[in-house]
N, C-alpha and C. Protein backbone atom coordinates (compact mmCIF):
# COMPACT_ATOMS: atom_id res chain seq x y z
N MET A 1 -51.60 49.30 -66.64
CA MET A 1 -51.72 48.92 -65.26
C MET A 1 -52.55 49.90 -64.39
N SER A 2 -53.52 49.44 -63.68
CA SER A 2 -54.40 50.31 -62.94
C SER A 2 -53.88 50.41 -61.49
N LYS A 3 -54.32 51.38 -60.81
CA LYS A 3 -53.92 51.50 -59.45
C LYS A 3 -54.48 50.42 -58.52
N ASP A 4 -55.62 49.90 -58.87
CA ASP A 4 -56.21 48.89 -58.13
C ASP A 4 -55.67 47.58 -58.14
N ASP A 5 -54.78 47.30 -59.17
CA ASP A 5 -54.06 46.00 -59.41
C ASP A 5 -52.64 46.20 -59.72
N PRO A 6 -51.76 46.61 -58.80
CA PRO A 6 -50.35 46.91 -59.19
C PRO A 6 -49.52 45.70 -59.59
N TYR A 7 -50.09 44.44 -59.25
CA TYR A 7 -49.38 43.25 -59.66
C TYR A 7 -49.96 42.45 -60.73
N GLY A 8 -50.78 43.11 -61.56
CA GLY A 8 -51.47 42.42 -62.61
C GLY A 8 -50.56 41.67 -63.63
N ILE A 9 -49.48 42.21 -63.99
CA ILE A 9 -48.54 41.63 -64.93
C ILE A 9 -47.86 40.37 -64.22
N GLY A 10 -47.52 40.42 -63.01
CA GLY A 10 -46.94 39.33 -62.28
C GLY A 10 -47.93 38.13 -62.16
N ARG A 11 -49.17 38.41 -61.96
CA ARG A 11 -50.15 37.38 -61.84
C ARG A 11 -50.34 36.77 -63.16
N PHE A 12 -50.28 37.55 -64.19
CA PHE A 12 -50.41 37.11 -65.62
C PHE A 12 -49.22 36.12 -65.95
N ILE A 13 -48.02 36.45 -65.54
CA ILE A 13 -46.88 35.65 -65.87
C ILE A 13 -46.95 34.34 -65.06
N ILE A 14 -47.39 34.39 -63.80
CA ILE A 14 -47.45 33.22 -62.97
C ILE A 14 -48.58 32.28 -63.51
N GLY A 15 -49.65 32.89 -64.00
CA GLY A 15 -50.78 32.15 -64.59
C GLY A 15 -50.37 31.39 -65.85
N CYS A 16 -49.52 32.15 -66.72
CA CYS A 16 -48.97 31.51 -67.96
C CYS A 16 -48.11 30.31 -67.71
N PHE A 17 -47.39 30.29 -66.50
CA PHE A 17 -46.49 29.22 -66.10
C PHE A 17 -47.41 28.11 -65.53
N LEU A 18 -48.41 28.40 -64.72
CA LEU A 18 -49.11 27.39 -64.02
C LEU A 18 -50.06 26.58 -64.93
N VAL A 19 -50.70 27.16 -65.81
CA VAL A 19 -51.58 26.45 -66.86
C VAL A 19 -50.81 25.27 -67.47
N PRO A 20 -49.72 25.52 -68.18
CA PRO A 20 -49.05 24.34 -68.81
C PRO A 20 -48.60 23.31 -67.76
N PHE A 21 -48.10 23.73 -66.66
CA PHE A 21 -47.60 22.91 -65.53
C PHE A 21 -48.77 22.07 -65.13
N SER A 22 -49.92 22.61 -64.89
CA SER A 22 -51.05 21.83 -64.36
C SER A 22 -51.50 20.81 -65.45
N LEU A 23 -51.45 21.25 -66.66
CA LEU A 23 -51.82 20.24 -67.76
C LEU A 23 -50.96 18.98 -67.82
N VAL A 24 -49.68 19.26 -67.58
CA VAL A 24 -48.65 18.15 -67.60
C VAL A 24 -48.98 17.19 -66.32
N LEU A 25 -49.24 17.85 -65.25
CA LEU A 25 -49.63 17.06 -63.98
C LEU A 25 -50.89 16.19 -64.23
N LEU A 26 -51.88 16.89 -64.80
CA LEU A 26 -53.11 16.14 -65.08
C LEU A 26 -52.92 14.96 -66.07
N TRP A 27 -52.16 15.23 -67.16
CA TRP A 27 -51.83 14.15 -68.04
C TRP A 27 -51.10 13.00 -67.48
N LYS A 28 -50.12 13.20 -66.56
CA LYS A 28 -49.49 12.22 -65.94
C LYS A 28 -50.27 11.36 -64.94
N ASN A 29 -51.22 12.06 -64.31
CA ASN A 29 -52.14 11.46 -63.39
C ASN A 29 -53.17 10.55 -64.16
N GLU A 30 -53.67 11.00 -65.18
CA GLU A 30 -54.56 10.29 -66.03
C GLU A 30 -53.89 9.05 -66.64
N LYS A 31 -52.64 9.21 -66.95
CA LYS A 31 -51.80 8.07 -67.53
C LYS A 31 -51.71 6.95 -66.48
N LYS A 32 -51.43 7.36 -65.16
CA LYS A 32 -51.43 6.39 -64.09
C LYS A 32 -52.73 5.64 -64.01
N VAL A 33 -53.81 6.39 -64.02
CA VAL A 33 -55.12 5.81 -63.79
C VAL A 33 -55.38 4.78 -64.93
N VAL A 34 -55.13 5.15 -66.14
CA VAL A 34 -55.35 4.20 -67.30
C VAL A 34 -54.49 2.98 -67.19
N THR A 35 -53.28 3.12 -66.70
CA THR A 35 -52.43 2.03 -66.52
C THR A 35 -52.90 1.05 -65.48
N PHE A 36 -53.40 1.64 -64.33
CA PHE A 36 -53.88 0.87 -63.27
C PHE A 36 -55.18 0.12 -63.69
N ALA A 37 -55.98 0.81 -64.43
CA ALA A 37 -57.32 0.19 -64.98
C ALA A 37 -56.97 -0.97 -65.90
N ARG A 38 -55.99 -0.80 -66.75
CA ARG A 38 -55.61 -1.91 -67.65
C ARG A 38 -55.11 -3.08 -66.81
N CYS A 39 -54.25 -2.84 -65.85
CA CYS A 39 -53.77 -3.98 -65.04
C CYS A 39 -54.93 -4.63 -64.27
N MET A 40 -55.88 -3.89 -63.78
CA MET A 40 -56.94 -4.55 -63.09
C MET A 40 -57.79 -5.38 -64.03
N ASP A 41 -58.06 -4.87 -65.26
CA ASP A 41 -58.76 -5.68 -66.29
C ASP A 41 -58.09 -6.95 -66.69
N LEU A 42 -56.79 -6.78 -66.84
CA LEU A 42 -56.02 -8.03 -67.17
C LEU A 42 -56.06 -9.02 -66.08
N GLY A 43 -55.97 -8.51 -64.79
CA GLY A 43 -55.98 -9.41 -63.63
C GLY A 43 -57.43 -10.09 -63.55
N LEU A 44 -58.50 -9.36 -63.91
CA LEU A 44 -59.90 -9.83 -63.78
C LEU A 44 -60.11 -10.90 -64.91
N LYS A 45 -59.47 -10.81 -65.98
CA LYS A 45 -59.59 -11.75 -67.15
C LYS A 45 -58.84 -13.09 -66.79
N ASN A 46 -57.78 -12.92 -66.09
CA ASN A 46 -56.84 -14.11 -65.84
C ASN A 46 -56.99 -14.75 -64.51
N VAL A 47 -57.77 -14.20 -63.58
CA VAL A 47 -57.81 -14.77 -62.17
C VAL A 47 -58.58 -16.09 -62.20
N ARG A 48 -58.14 -17.07 -61.39
CA ARG A 48 -58.85 -18.35 -61.24
C ARG A 48 -59.27 -18.44 -59.70
N THR A 49 -60.46 -18.73 -59.53
CA THR A 49 -61.00 -18.99 -58.20
C THR A 49 -60.77 -20.47 -57.86
N VAL A 50 -60.02 -20.69 -56.82
CA VAL A 50 -59.72 -22.02 -56.43
C VAL A 50 -60.27 -22.37 -55.05
N ASP A 51 -60.37 -23.66 -54.77
CA ASP A 51 -60.72 -24.21 -53.50
C ASP A 51 -59.54 -24.24 -52.57
N PRO A 52 -59.62 -23.63 -51.38
CA PRO A 52 -58.46 -23.57 -50.46
C PRO A 52 -58.00 -25.02 -49.96
N GLU A 53 -59.01 -25.96 -50.18
CA GLU A 53 -58.57 -27.30 -49.68
C GLU A 53 -57.95 -28.22 -50.80
N ASP A 54 -57.93 -27.59 -52.07
CA ASP A 54 -57.40 -28.35 -53.15
C ASP A 54 -56.18 -27.65 -53.77
N VAL A 55 -55.04 -28.22 -53.46
CA VAL A 55 -53.79 -27.63 -54.09
C VAL A 55 -53.48 -28.42 -55.37
N ASP A 56 -53.46 -27.57 -56.49
CA ASP A 56 -53.31 -28.20 -57.80
C ASP A 56 -52.07 -27.57 -58.42
N GLY A 57 -51.19 -28.32 -58.91
CA GLY A 57 -49.92 -27.77 -59.55
C GLY A 57 -50.28 -26.96 -60.76
N ILE A 58 -51.39 -27.15 -61.43
CA ILE A 58 -51.71 -26.47 -62.63
C ILE A 58 -51.82 -24.89 -62.34
N ASN A 59 -52.10 -24.55 -61.07
CA ASN A 59 -52.22 -23.23 -60.67
C ASN A 59 -50.95 -22.49 -60.27
N GLU A 60 -49.82 -23.20 -60.35
CA GLU A 60 -48.59 -22.64 -60.01
C GLU A 60 -48.16 -21.43 -60.83
N PHE A 61 -47.83 -20.36 -60.25
CA PHE A 61 -47.39 -19.12 -60.90
C PHE A 61 -48.63 -18.41 -61.63
N GLU A 62 -49.91 -18.75 -61.28
CA GLU A 62 -50.99 -18.15 -61.86
C GLU A 62 -51.66 -17.23 -60.79
N LEU A 63 -52.47 -16.29 -61.22
CA LEU A 63 -53.20 -15.43 -60.37
C LEU A 63 -54.38 -16.18 -59.90
N VAL A 64 -54.45 -16.38 -58.56
CA VAL A 64 -55.62 -17.18 -58.08
C VAL A 64 -56.39 -16.34 -56.99
N HIS A 65 -57.50 -16.69 -56.76
CA HIS A 65 -58.39 -16.04 -55.73
C HIS A 65 -59.09 -17.14 -54.89
N LEU A 66 -58.90 -17.08 -53.57
CA LEU A 66 -59.52 -18.02 -52.68
C LEU A 66 -60.05 -17.29 -51.40
N THR A 67 -61.07 -17.88 -50.86
CA THR A 67 -61.54 -17.39 -49.60
C THR A 67 -61.64 -18.50 -48.62
N GLY A 68 -61.62 -18.18 -47.39
CA GLY A 68 -61.67 -19.16 -46.29
C GLY A 68 -61.34 -18.65 -44.98
N THR A 69 -61.17 -19.49 -43.99
CA THR A 69 -60.81 -19.08 -42.65
C THR A 69 -59.39 -19.50 -42.33
N THR A 70 -58.63 -18.55 -41.89
CA THR A 70 -57.18 -18.89 -41.50
C THR A 70 -57.16 -19.76 -40.23
N THR A 71 -56.10 -20.52 -40.10
CA THR A 71 -55.96 -21.38 -38.89
C THR A 71 -54.40 -21.29 -38.45
N ASN A 72 -54.29 -21.50 -37.28
CA ASN A 72 -52.87 -21.54 -36.66
C ASN A 72 -52.92 -22.60 -35.71
N SER A 73 -52.08 -23.64 -35.88
CA SER A 73 -52.10 -24.82 -34.95
C SER A 73 -51.16 -24.61 -33.75
N THR A 74 -50.25 -23.50 -33.82
CA THR A 74 -49.39 -23.25 -32.82
C THR A 74 -49.86 -22.09 -32.01
N MET A 75 -49.41 -22.16 -30.69
CA MET A 75 -49.82 -21.06 -29.85
C MET A 75 -48.86 -19.86 -29.93
N ILE A 76 -49.38 -18.64 -29.76
CA ILE A 76 -48.53 -17.46 -29.75
C ILE A 76 -48.39 -17.07 -28.27
N LEU A 77 -47.21 -16.98 -27.78
CA LEU A 77 -46.89 -16.89 -26.33
C LEU A 77 -46.18 -15.56 -26.05
N ASP A 78 -46.66 -14.81 -25.16
CA ASP A 78 -46.09 -13.60 -24.62
C ASP A 78 -45.32 -14.03 -23.28
N ASN A 79 -44.10 -14.42 -23.49
CA ASN A 79 -43.32 -15.07 -22.26
C ASN A 79 -43.25 -14.06 -21.14
N ASP A 80 -43.17 -12.81 -21.37
CA ASP A 80 -43.01 -11.81 -20.23
C ASP A 80 -44.24 -11.80 -19.31
N LEU A 81 -45.42 -11.95 -19.98
CA LEU A 81 -46.65 -11.80 -19.17
C LEU A 81 -47.36 -13.19 -19.10
N GLY A 82 -46.92 -14.26 -19.81
CA GLY A 82 -47.48 -15.55 -19.66
C GLY A 82 -48.82 -15.65 -20.31
N ILE A 83 -49.05 -14.74 -21.36
CA ILE A 83 -50.32 -14.84 -22.05
C ILE A 83 -50.27 -15.62 -23.33
N VAL A 84 -51.19 -16.55 -23.49
CA VAL A 84 -51.26 -17.41 -24.62
C VAL A 84 -52.40 -16.95 -25.59
N ALA A 85 -52.16 -16.99 -26.93
CA ALA A 85 -53.30 -16.85 -27.84
C ALA A 85 -53.30 -18.01 -28.70
N ARG A 86 -54.46 -18.73 -28.80
CA ARG A 86 -54.63 -19.95 -29.57
C ARG A 86 -55.40 -19.60 -30.81
N ASN A 87 -55.11 -20.31 -31.93
CA ASN A 87 -55.66 -20.24 -33.17
C ASN A 87 -55.80 -18.68 -33.59
N SER A 88 -54.72 -17.95 -33.43
CA SER A 88 -54.67 -16.55 -33.78
C SER A 88 -53.56 -16.30 -34.68
N TYR A 89 -53.57 -15.16 -35.45
CA TYR A 89 -52.49 -14.92 -36.27
C TYR A 89 -51.49 -13.83 -35.65
N ARG A 90 -52.08 -13.11 -34.68
CA ARG A 90 -51.33 -12.04 -34.07
C ARG A 90 -51.73 -11.90 -32.61
N LEU A 91 -50.76 -11.54 -31.74
CA LEU A 91 -50.99 -11.14 -30.35
C LEU A 91 -50.30 -9.82 -30.23
N LYS A 92 -51.00 -8.82 -29.83
CA LYS A 92 -50.45 -7.51 -29.70
C LYS A 92 -50.53 -7.03 -28.20
N ARG A 93 -49.34 -6.84 -27.71
CA ARG A 93 -49.34 -6.27 -26.28
C ARG A 93 -49.25 -4.84 -26.37
N LYS A 94 -50.06 -4.14 -25.75
CA LYS A 94 -50.08 -2.69 -25.66
C LYS A 94 -49.92 -2.24 -24.22
N VAL A 95 -48.87 -1.55 -23.94
CA VAL A 95 -48.53 -1.15 -22.61
C VAL A 95 -48.44 0.38 -22.61
N GLU A 96 -49.26 0.85 -21.68
CA GLU A 96 -49.45 2.39 -21.48
C GLU A 96 -49.25 2.82 -20.11
N MET A 97 -48.83 4.00 -19.94
CA MET A 97 -48.70 4.60 -18.59
C MET A 97 -49.41 5.83 -18.43
N TYR A 98 -50.16 6.07 -17.40
CA TYR A 98 -50.93 7.27 -17.15
C TYR A 98 -49.95 8.36 -16.66
N GLN A 99 -49.58 9.36 -17.39
CA GLN A 99 -48.50 10.39 -17.19
C GLN A 99 -48.98 11.79 -17.39
N TRP A 100 -48.14 12.64 -16.82
CA TRP A 100 -48.35 14.11 -17.16
C TRP A 100 -47.89 14.41 -18.48
N ARG A 101 -48.62 15.36 -19.19
CA ARG A 101 -48.10 15.86 -20.41
C ARG A 101 -48.34 17.29 -20.40
N GLU A 102 -47.47 18.05 -21.07
CA GLU A 102 -47.43 19.47 -21.15
C GLU A 102 -48.01 19.89 -22.52
N ILE A 103 -48.85 20.90 -22.49
CA ILE A 103 -49.44 21.44 -23.74
C ILE A 103 -49.08 22.91 -23.81
N CYS A 104 -48.46 23.28 -24.92
CA CYS A 104 -48.06 24.65 -25.02
C CYS A 104 -49.06 25.38 -25.80
N HIS A 105 -49.49 26.62 -25.28
CA HIS A 105 -50.39 27.49 -25.99
C HIS A 105 -49.68 28.75 -26.34
N GLU A 106 -49.72 29.26 -27.54
CA GLU A 106 -49.11 30.48 -27.99
C GLU A 106 -50.05 31.45 -28.46
N LYS A 107 -50.12 32.64 -27.78
CA LYS A 107 -50.99 33.74 -28.17
C LYS A 107 -50.25 35.05 -28.03
N ASP A 108 -50.33 35.79 -29.15
CA ASP A 108 -49.72 37.08 -29.28
C ASP A 108 -48.20 37.03 -28.88
N GLY A 109 -47.55 35.94 -29.28
CA GLY A 109 -46.11 35.78 -29.00
C GLY A 109 -45.74 35.40 -27.66
N ARG A 110 -46.72 35.08 -26.86
CA ARG A 110 -46.61 34.64 -25.50
C ARG A 110 -46.93 33.26 -25.36
N LYS A 111 -46.04 32.44 -24.66
CA LYS A 111 -46.37 31.05 -24.46
C LYS A 111 -46.87 30.87 -23.01
N THR A 112 -47.94 29.98 -23.00
CA THR A 112 -48.39 29.56 -21.63
C THR A 112 -48.55 28.00 -21.81
N PHE A 113 -48.47 27.42 -20.62
CA PHE A 113 -48.42 25.97 -20.56
C PHE A 113 -49.53 25.40 -19.71
N THR A 114 -50.15 24.37 -20.11
CA THR A 114 -51.21 23.74 -19.27
C THR A 114 -50.78 22.22 -19.18
N TYR A 115 -51.18 21.52 -18.14
CA TYR A 115 -50.74 20.18 -17.91
C TYR A 115 -52.00 19.32 -17.56
N ASP A 116 -52.05 18.09 -18.21
CA ASP A 116 -53.02 17.17 -17.85
C ASP A 116 -52.49 15.79 -17.91
N HIS A 117 -53.26 14.81 -17.49
CA HIS A 117 -52.87 13.45 -17.59
C HIS A 117 -53.20 12.74 -18.84
N ALA A 118 -52.54 11.88 -19.36
CA ALA A 118 -52.88 11.14 -20.44
C ALA A 118 -52.20 9.77 -20.56
N TRP A 119 -52.87 8.79 -21.20
CA TRP A 119 -52.25 7.53 -21.32
C TRP A 119 -51.26 7.56 -22.54
N SER A 120 -50.10 7.06 -22.38
CA SER A 120 -49.13 7.05 -23.41
C SER A 120 -48.33 5.75 -23.52
N GLU A 121 -48.02 5.27 -24.69
CA GLU A 121 -47.23 4.01 -24.84
C GLU A 121 -45.74 4.31 -24.80
N THR A 122 -45.34 5.58 -24.79
CA THR A 122 -43.88 5.93 -24.62
C THR A 122 -43.73 6.85 -23.40
N PRO A 123 -42.60 6.80 -22.90
CA PRO A 123 -42.36 7.68 -21.62
C PRO A 123 -42.46 9.17 -22.02
N ILE A 124 -42.99 9.93 -21.21
CA ILE A 124 -42.94 11.46 -21.52
C ILE A 124 -41.99 12.10 -20.51
N ASN A 125 -40.96 12.59 -21.00
CA ASN A 125 -39.84 13.26 -20.23
C ASN A 125 -40.39 14.47 -19.57
N SER A 126 -40.59 14.50 -18.31
CA SER A 126 -41.17 15.65 -17.60
C SER A 126 -40.01 16.56 -17.12
N ASN A 127 -38.80 16.24 -17.30
CA ASN A 127 -37.62 17.06 -17.04
C ASN A 127 -37.57 18.32 -17.80
N SER A 128 -38.13 18.26 -19.08
CA SER A 128 -38.19 19.38 -19.97
C SER A 128 -39.43 20.32 -19.83
N PHE A 129 -40.29 20.01 -18.88
CA PHE A 129 -41.46 20.70 -18.66
C PHE A 129 -41.13 22.18 -18.11
N ASP A 130 -41.92 23.14 -18.50
CA ASP A 130 -41.62 24.53 -18.06
C ASP A 130 -41.94 24.53 -16.49
N GLU A 131 -42.91 23.93 -16.04
CA GLU A 131 -43.23 23.81 -14.61
C GLU A 131 -43.14 22.31 -14.11
N ARG A 132 -41.99 21.96 -13.58
CA ARG A 132 -41.80 20.51 -13.17
C ARG A 132 -42.45 20.23 -11.91
N LEU A 133 -42.48 21.18 -10.92
CA LEU A 133 -42.90 20.81 -9.73
C LEU A 133 -44.43 20.38 -9.62
N GLY A 134 -44.66 19.22 -9.17
CA GLY A 134 -46.00 18.70 -9.17
C GLY A 134 -46.35 17.95 -10.49
N HIS A 135 -45.51 17.93 -11.38
CA HIS A 135 -45.79 17.31 -12.75
C HIS A 135 -44.72 16.28 -13.11
N GLU A 136 -44.26 15.59 -12.14
CA GLU A 136 -43.15 14.61 -12.39
C GLU A 136 -43.64 13.26 -12.90
N ASN A 137 -43.02 12.79 -13.98
CA ASN A 137 -43.39 11.44 -14.53
C ASN A 137 -42.29 10.47 -14.03
N PRO A 138 -42.55 9.26 -13.84
CA PRO A 138 -41.37 8.31 -13.48
C PRO A 138 -40.37 8.30 -14.50
N SER A 139 -39.18 8.29 -14.01
CA SER A 139 -37.85 8.32 -14.92
C SER A 139 -37.37 6.93 -15.07
N ASN A 140 -37.82 5.88 -14.40
CA ASN A 140 -37.24 4.67 -14.39
C ASN A 140 -37.65 3.93 -15.72
N VAL A 141 -36.96 2.91 -16.11
CA VAL A 141 -37.26 2.10 -17.23
C VAL A 141 -38.49 1.29 -17.05
N TRP A 142 -39.28 1.31 -18.14
CA TRP A 142 -40.53 0.50 -18.06
C TRP A 142 -40.29 -0.98 -18.05
N PRO A 143 -40.87 -1.74 -17.13
CA PRO A 143 -40.63 -3.20 -17.07
C PRO A 143 -41.08 -3.85 -18.39
N PHE A 144 -42.07 -3.38 -19.07
CA PHE A 144 -42.66 -3.99 -20.31
C PHE A 144 -42.76 -2.86 -21.34
N GLN A 145 -42.63 -3.25 -22.56
CA GLN A 145 -42.96 -2.43 -23.70
C GLN A 145 -44.04 -2.97 -24.58
N SER A 146 -44.65 -2.17 -25.39
CA SER A 146 -45.60 -2.62 -26.39
C SER A 146 -44.86 -3.50 -27.36
N HIS A 147 -45.51 -4.66 -27.83
CA HIS A 147 -44.86 -5.49 -28.69
C HIS A 147 -45.94 -6.29 -29.48
N THR A 148 -45.61 -6.67 -30.73
CA THR A 148 -46.59 -7.48 -31.56
C THR A 148 -45.91 -8.76 -31.85
N PHE A 149 -46.55 -9.90 -31.58
CA PHE A 149 -46.14 -11.28 -31.83
C PHE A 149 -46.92 -11.79 -32.98
N ASP A 150 -46.36 -12.20 -34.08
CA ASP A 150 -47.02 -12.69 -35.22
C ASP A 150 -46.73 -14.28 -35.25
N ALA A 151 -47.69 -15.06 -35.61
CA ALA A 151 -47.53 -16.44 -35.74
C ALA A 151 -46.75 -16.74 -36.98
N THR A 152 -46.09 -17.80 -37.07
CA THR A 152 -45.20 -18.19 -38.14
C THR A 152 -45.82 -19.15 -39.15
N THR A 153 -46.79 -19.93 -38.80
CA THR A 153 -47.43 -20.89 -39.65
C THR A 153 -48.93 -20.68 -39.71
N ILE A 154 -49.32 -19.82 -40.61
CA ILE A 154 -50.80 -19.55 -40.75
C ILE A 154 -51.28 -20.23 -42.01
N MET A 155 -52.36 -20.91 -41.99
CA MET A 155 -52.77 -21.63 -43.02
C MET A 155 -54.17 -21.22 -43.53
N LEU A 156 -54.35 -21.17 -44.81
CA LEU A 156 -55.64 -20.80 -45.40
C LEU A 156 -56.06 -22.13 -46.19
N GLY A 157 -56.77 -22.99 -45.48
CA GLY A 157 -56.95 -24.29 -46.09
C GLY A 157 -55.73 -25.04 -46.18
N LYS A 158 -55.18 -25.54 -47.34
CA LYS A 158 -53.95 -26.11 -47.40
C LYS A 158 -52.80 -25.17 -47.87
N PHE A 159 -53.07 -23.94 -47.95
CA PHE A 159 -52.07 -23.04 -48.39
C PHE A 159 -51.48 -22.29 -47.21
N LYS A 160 -50.14 -22.20 -47.25
CA LYS A 160 -49.42 -21.53 -46.10
C LYS A 160 -49.20 -20.06 -46.50
N LEU A 161 -49.60 -19.13 -45.57
CA LEU A 161 -49.54 -17.72 -45.92
C LEU A 161 -48.12 -17.30 -45.61
N ARG A 162 -47.60 -16.45 -46.52
CA ARG A 162 -46.31 -15.82 -46.31
C ARG A 162 -46.48 -14.70 -45.29
N ALA A 163 -45.32 -14.29 -44.72
CA ALA A 163 -45.29 -13.20 -43.65
C ALA A 163 -45.95 -11.99 -44.07
N ASP A 164 -45.73 -11.57 -45.30
CA ASP A 164 -46.32 -10.26 -45.90
C ASP A 164 -47.80 -10.42 -46.03
N GLN A 165 -48.30 -11.67 -46.20
CA GLN A 165 -49.67 -11.91 -46.40
C GLN A 165 -50.32 -11.76 -44.99
N VAL A 166 -49.71 -12.39 -43.99
CA VAL A 166 -50.17 -12.35 -42.67
C VAL A 166 -50.27 -10.82 -42.18
N LEU A 167 -49.28 -10.03 -42.53
CA LEU A 167 -49.34 -8.67 -42.11
C LEU A 167 -50.64 -7.87 -42.60
N ARG A 168 -51.10 -8.34 -43.76
CA ARG A 168 -52.34 -7.67 -44.43
C ARG A 168 -53.61 -8.18 -43.80
N LEU A 169 -53.59 -9.23 -42.98
CA LEU A 169 -54.84 -9.77 -42.48
C LEU A 169 -55.44 -8.71 -41.46
N GLY A 170 -56.70 -8.59 -41.42
CA GLY A 170 -57.34 -7.62 -40.54
C GLY A 170 -58.25 -8.15 -39.51
N ARG A 171 -59.29 -7.38 -39.22
CA ARG A 171 -60.32 -7.76 -38.21
C ARG A 171 -59.80 -8.22 -36.84
N ALA A 172 -59.03 -7.33 -36.13
CA ALA A 172 -58.65 -7.65 -34.79
C ALA A 172 -59.69 -7.63 -33.75
N SER A 173 -59.57 -8.47 -32.74
CA SER A 173 -60.38 -8.25 -31.66
C SER A 173 -59.58 -7.88 -30.45
N SER A 174 -60.12 -7.23 -29.48
CA SER A 174 -59.38 -6.65 -28.38
C SER A 174 -59.87 -7.36 -27.13
N HIS A 175 -58.96 -7.78 -26.27
CA HIS A 175 -59.29 -8.35 -25.00
C HIS A 175 -58.37 -7.76 -24.03
N LYS A 176 -58.95 -7.01 -23.03
CA LYS A 176 -58.07 -6.37 -21.97
C LYS A 176 -57.82 -7.43 -20.92
N VAL A 177 -56.56 -7.55 -20.60
CA VAL A 177 -56.13 -8.45 -19.61
C VAL A 177 -55.38 -7.80 -18.49
N SER A 178 -55.75 -8.00 -17.21
CA SER A 178 -54.99 -7.43 -16.09
C SER A 178 -54.07 -8.51 -15.62
N LEU A 179 -53.00 -8.09 -15.03
CA LEU A 179 -51.99 -9.01 -14.52
C LEU A 179 -52.61 -9.84 -13.37
N GLU A 180 -53.45 -9.31 -12.63
CA GLU A 180 -54.08 -10.07 -11.65
C GLU A 180 -54.93 -11.20 -12.05
N GLU A 181 -55.64 -11.03 -13.22
CA GLU A 181 -56.47 -12.06 -13.77
C GLU A 181 -55.63 -13.22 -14.21
N GLU A 182 -54.44 -12.99 -14.82
CA GLU A 182 -53.66 -13.99 -15.43
C GLU A 182 -52.66 -14.61 -14.42
N GLY A 183 -52.61 -13.92 -13.18
CA GLY A 183 -51.65 -14.44 -12.27
C GLY A 183 -50.20 -14.04 -12.65
N GLY A 184 -50.06 -12.98 -13.34
CA GLY A 184 -48.77 -12.50 -13.75
C GLY A 184 -47.93 -11.88 -12.70
N PRO A 185 -46.78 -11.26 -13.06
CA PRO A 185 -45.78 -10.82 -12.12
C PRO A 185 -46.36 -9.66 -11.17
């Protein structure tokens, strides 16, 4: 052992342990990738492309692929605000309040705090702030909370989508609504 590397034997022992350990992890990862690739190949061989307007019993319990536009014949209603979404699969109410927030900075074991305003979907408790005077947030209960309303009957052609399928639908569009526009409370 040289004076330049007093831990040489320790590093050697750790390396002898890590090499086989990493080989096992690599083997397990490769095994998962191969299994996934085989499943995808099997699905690709067995998938049937079907017309969303043609429900055929021969496709029951088969892997099918279809594309189309989803429809919803019922309205989604936010009763609290009186907002209606037509032919949509989801209505998302996002409620935020402009509040004080405290930011802690730590340097050389000393803490300093700065304060700024931020929009937040949840109440920020200003009672625990280091400097409360002039940085008070409302402590009352919010009249509205953020909430997501999902439609119950979403159709893709003649196929009814399950709730878990509706959750995976994407491409949301955002429309800001003020209470004055809608004649709300």
